[in-house]
Amino acid sequence: MVAVVVRNIPAEIHLALKVRAARHNRSAEAEIRAILESAVRPAGRLQLGTALAERSRALGLVAGDIDALEQTDRRPAEPIALR
């Protein structure tokens, strides 16, 4: 894991950070990690796995459907012969 040092933080920002961390029941260091994560990974981002699972549920697919797909013939189709 990488360590980052941030210097010259104003005292009022440091105090506000500690207050915010206390409100969330975590350390100032854990609060900084949470702030950084939310800044670079916004909550509204598309999560592909979640989107696919929601779409599958909307279509009524179940685990058995996936099993059936995995058992299909995976050989390439033969081209149609033209006369």
Protein backbone atom coordinates (compact mmCIF):
# COMPACT_ATOMS: atom_id res chain seq x y z
CA MET A 1 0.00 0.00 0.00
CA VAL A 2 1.24 3.50 -0.81
CA ALA A 3 1.72 6.20 1.83
CA VAL A 4 1.06 9.85 1.03
CA VAL A 5 2.22 12.82 3.10
CA VAL A 6 0.32 16.10 2.87
CA ARG A 7 2.11 19.10 4.33
CA ASN A 8 1.01 22.61 5.24
CA ILE A 9 -2.63 21.85 6.03
CA PRO A 10 -4.16 24.89 7.77
CA ALA A 11 -5.08 24.29 11.41
CA GLU A 12 -8.79 25.00 10.78
CA ILE A 13 -8.89 22.39 8.00
CA HIS A 14 -7.18 19.84 10.24
CA LEU A 15 -9.68 20.53 13.03
CA ALA A 16 -12.63 20.29 10.63
CA LEU A 17 -11.26 17.00 9.37
CA LYS A 18 -11.01 15.61 12.90
CA VAL A 19 -14.58 16.74 13.66
CA ARG A 20 -15.85 15.15 10.46
CA ALA A 21 -14.00 11.92 11.27
CA ALA A 22 -15.52 11.85 14.75
CA ARG A 23 -19.02 12.27 13.26
CA HIS A 24 -18.37 9.20 11.10
CA ASN A 25 -16.83 7.23 13.99
CA ARG A 26 -13.47 6.81 12.33
CA SER A 27 -9.94 8.12 12.63
CA ALA A 28 -8.76 11.21 10.77
CA GLU A 29 -6.63 8.95 8.59
CA ALA A 30 -9.62 6.74 7.72
CA GLU A 31 -11.66 9.87 6.98
CA ILE A 32 -8.99 11.14 4.59
CA ARG A 33 -9.04 7.77 2.78
CA ALA A 34 -12.84 7.93 2.50
CA ILE A 35 -12.72 11.50 1.16
CA LEU A 36 -10.07 10.60 -1.42
CA GLU A 37 -11.96 7.49 -2.52
CA SER A 38 -15.22 9.38 -2.97
CA ALA A 39 -13.37 12.03 -4.97
CA VAL A 40 -11.86 9.60 -7.45
CA ARG A 41 -14.64 7.01 -7.48
CA PRO A 42 -17.95 8.87 -7.57
CA ALA A 43 -20.98 6.94 -6.33
CA GLY A 44 -22.83 7.48 -9.61
CA ARG A 45 -20.29 5.62 -11.74
CA LEU A 46 -21.48 2.70 -13.82
CA GLN A 47 -20.59 -0.61 -12.23
CA LEU A 48 -20.73 -3.13 -15.05
CA GLY A 49 -21.34 -6.22 -12.91
CA THR A 50 -24.20 -4.56 -11.04
CA ALA A 51 -25.72 -3.26 -14.28
CA LEU A 52 -25.59 -6.72 -15.89
CA ALA A 53 -27.11 -8.39 -12.83
CA GLU A 54 -29.95 -5.85 -12.73
CA ARG A 55 -30.60 -6.31 -16.45
CA SER A 56 -30.63 -10.09 -16.07
CA ARG A 57 -33.14 -9.87 -13.21
CA ALA A 58 -35.33 -7.52 -15.26
CA LEU A 59 -35.34 -10.08 -18.09
CA GLY A 60 -36.19 -12.89 -15.67
CA LEU A 61 -32.94 -14.80 -16.16
CA VAL A 62 -31.90 -17.24 -13.44
CA ALA A 63 -28.74 -19.23 -12.76
CA GLY A 64 -30.14 -22.21 -14.69
CA ASP A 65 -30.26 -20.08 -17.82
CA ILE A 66 -26.54 -19.38 -17.53
CA ASP A 67 -25.85 -23.10 -17.03
CA ALA A 68 -27.83 -23.87 -20.20
CA LEU A 69 -25.80 -21.32 -22.17
CA GLU A 70 -22.56 -22.86 -21.00
CA GLN A 71 -23.66 -26.29 -22.27
CA THR A 72 -24.35 -25.16 -25.84
CA ASP A 73 -22.24 -26.21 -28.80
CA ARG A 74 -19.44 -23.66 -29.11
CA ARG A 75 -18.13 -24.76 -32.49
CA PRO A 76 -18.24 -22.07 -35.19
CA ALA A 77 -21.14 -22.36 -37.61
CA GLU A 78 -20.46 -23.64 -41.10
CA PRO A 79 -20.91 -21.03 -43.84
CA ILE A 80 -23.84 -21.45 -46.20
CA ALA A 81 -22.80 -23.05 -49.50
CA LEU A 82 -23.83 -20.91 -52.48
CA ARG A 83 -24.64 -22.66 -55.76
